[in-house]
Protein backbone atom coordinates (compact mmCIF):
# COMPACT_ATOMS: atom_id res chain seq x y z
CA UNK A 1 0.11 -0.03 -0.04
CA UNK A 2 1.06 3.61 -0.78
CA UNK A 3 1.86 6.08 2.10
CA UNK A 4 0.48 9.29 1.89
CA UNK A 5 1.32 12.39 3.91
CA UNK A 6 -1.22 15.02 4.81
CA UNK A 7 -0.73 17.98 7.08
CA UNK A 8 -2.96 20.55 8.73
CA UNK A 9 -2.56 24.22 8.68
CA UNK A 10 -1.75 24.11 12.30
CA UNK A 11 1.24 21.84 11.67
CA UNK A 12 2.45 24.14 8.72
CA UNK A 13 2.37 27.12 11.37
CA UNK A 14 4.17 25.03 13.89
CA UNK A 15 6.61 23.96 11.48
CA UNK A 16 7.55 27.28 10.34
CA UNK A 17 8.61 28.05 13.94
CA UNK A 18 11.60 26.23 13.65
CA UNK A 19 14.72 27.03 11.94
CA UNK A 20 15.45 25.40 8.41
CA UNK A 21 17.86 22.72 9.88
CA UNK A 22 15.15 21.67 12.37
CA UNK A 23 12.45 21.55 9.54
CA UNK A 24 14.68 19.18 7.44
CA UNK A 25 15.16 16.95 10.57
CA UNK A 26 11.56 16.84 11.13
CA UNK A 27 10.55 15.97 7.88
CA UNK A 28 13.29 13.42 7.23
CA UNK A 29 12.84 11.72 10.48
CA UNK A 30 9.34 11.22 9.52
CA UNK A 31 9.74 10.05 5.90
CA UNK A 32 12.40 7.67 7.17
CA UNK A 33 10.09 6.09 10.05
CA UNK A 34 6.90 6.01 8.19
CA UNK A 35 7.22 2.63 6.95
CA UNK A 36 7.79 1.20 10.30
CA UNK A 37 5.41 3.53 12.00
CA UNK A 38 2.57 1.90 10.04
CA UNK A 39 3.36 -1.59 10.51
CA UNK A 40 5.01 -1.78 14.03
CA UNK A 41 3.02 1.38 15.67
CA UNK A 42 3.93 1.26 19.41
CA UNK A 43 6.92 -0.90 19.10
CA UNK A 44 8.89 1.13 16.70
CA UNK A 45 12.10 2.17 18.77
CA UNK A 46 9.59 3.66 21.35
CA UNK A 47 9.36 6.71 19.37
CA UNK A 48 5.55 6.48 18.80
CA UNK A 49 3.24 6.96 22.25
CA UNK A 50 -0.25 7.63 22.88
CA UNK A 51 -0.15 10.05 25.76
CA UNK A 52 -3.89 9.86 26.61
CA UNK A 53 -6.45 6.98 26.11
CA UNK A 54 -9.53 8.26 24.52
CA UNK A 55 -12.69 6.21 25.34
CA UNK A 56 -14.89 5.25 22.36
CA UNK A 57 -17.97 3.00 22.03
CA UNK A 58 -18.49 0.15 19.60
CA UNK A 59 -14.83 -0.81 19.83
CA UNK A 60 -13.08 2.03 18.16
CA UNK A 61 -9.30 3.04 18.82
CA UNK A 62 -7.86 6.05 18.54
CA UNK A 63 -5.04 6.74 15.62
CA UNK A 64 -3.71 9.68 17.36
CA UNK A 65 0.13 9.20 18.47
CA UNK A 66 2.98 11.50 19.18
CA UNK A 67 6.21 10.82 17.26
CA UNK A 68 9.62 11.61 19.00
CA UNK A 69 12.02 13.44 16.34
CA UNK A 70 14.63 14.16 18.92
CA UNK A 71 14.83 14.94 22.68
CA UNK A 72 12.96 17.89 22.23
CA UNK A 73 10.63 17.76 19.12
CA UNK A 74 7.29 15.85 18.95
CA UNK A 75 4.91 15.49 16.18
CA UNK A 76 1.33 14.72 16.82
CA UNK A 77 -0.09 12.70 14.02
CA UNK A 78 -2.70 10.26 13.14
CA UNK A 79 -1.84 6.63 11.48
CA UNK A 80 -4.93 5.28 9.35
CA UNK A 81 -5.37 2.67 6.76
CA UNK A 82 -7.52 3.40 3.98
CA UNK A 83 -8.34 0.05 2.14
CA UNK A 84 -10.94 1.85 -0.33
CA UNK A 85 -7.97 3.75 -1.65
CA UNK A 86 -5.48 1.30 -1.06
CA UNK A 87 -3.24 3.76 0.92
CA UNK A 88 -1.96 4.29 4.42
CA UNK A 89 -2.51 7.89 5.69
CA UNK A 90 -0.21 9.79 8.06
CA UNK A 91 -2.05 12.96 9.00
CA UNK A 92 0.51 15.59 10.52
CA UNK A 93 -1.47 17.80 13.12
CA UNK A 94 1.02 19.55 15.04
CA UNK A 95 4.76 19.70 15.76
CA UNK A 96 6.33 21.13 19.31
CA UNK A 97 8.90 21.80 21.18
CA UNK A 98 8.57 20.30 24.56
CA UNK A 99 10.98 22.37 25.94
CA UNK A 100 8.44 25.41 25.69
CA UNK A 101 5.16 23.48 25.52
CA UNK A 102 3.69 20.68 27.44
CA UNK A 103 3.26 17.76 25.00
CA UNK A 104 0.66 15.90 27.01
CA UNK A 105 -1.98 18.81 27.24
CA UNK A 106 -1.55 19.56 23.36
CA UNK A 107 -1.82 16.01 22.76
CA UNK A 108 -5.09 15.88 24.65
CA UNK A 109 -6.30 19.25 23.16
CA UNK A 110 -5.77 17.83 19.77
CA UNK A 111 -7.55 14.51 20.48
CA UNK A 112 -10.62 16.25 22.15
CA UNK A 113 -11.02 18.54 19.04
CA UNK A 114 -10.32 15.64 16.57
CA UNK A 115 -12.84 13.11 18.33
CA UNK A 116 -15.22 15.49 19.79
CA UNK A 117 -18.29 13.96 17.84
CA UNK A 118 -17.14 10.41 18.79
CA UNK A 119 -16.70 11.23 22.48
CA UNK A 120 -19.96 12.85 22.89
């Protein structure tokens, strides 16, 4: 299956706050790790985490993760399989510097906004 990246406008705004070498690092790390992220999810070198467990009904699970780029940069993203279009979709939602931002609270905010209709 093909891997497709999509990014939110907030991700693009966040990315612009980093200097050019950091921007390249973020994008390179995502591209290099993407095949493993989709197949091994939580075991991929412990670089992928779910900070908060969103409770859904009907057996649905959250596809929201935090990807560790390096010791201070995290990317909040979703990982989804789209069998209709035969692709794996990685949606980049936020990129944060944990030296200046609280990753757990931003992760929770993103998840609540993303899943507001499902969570009720």
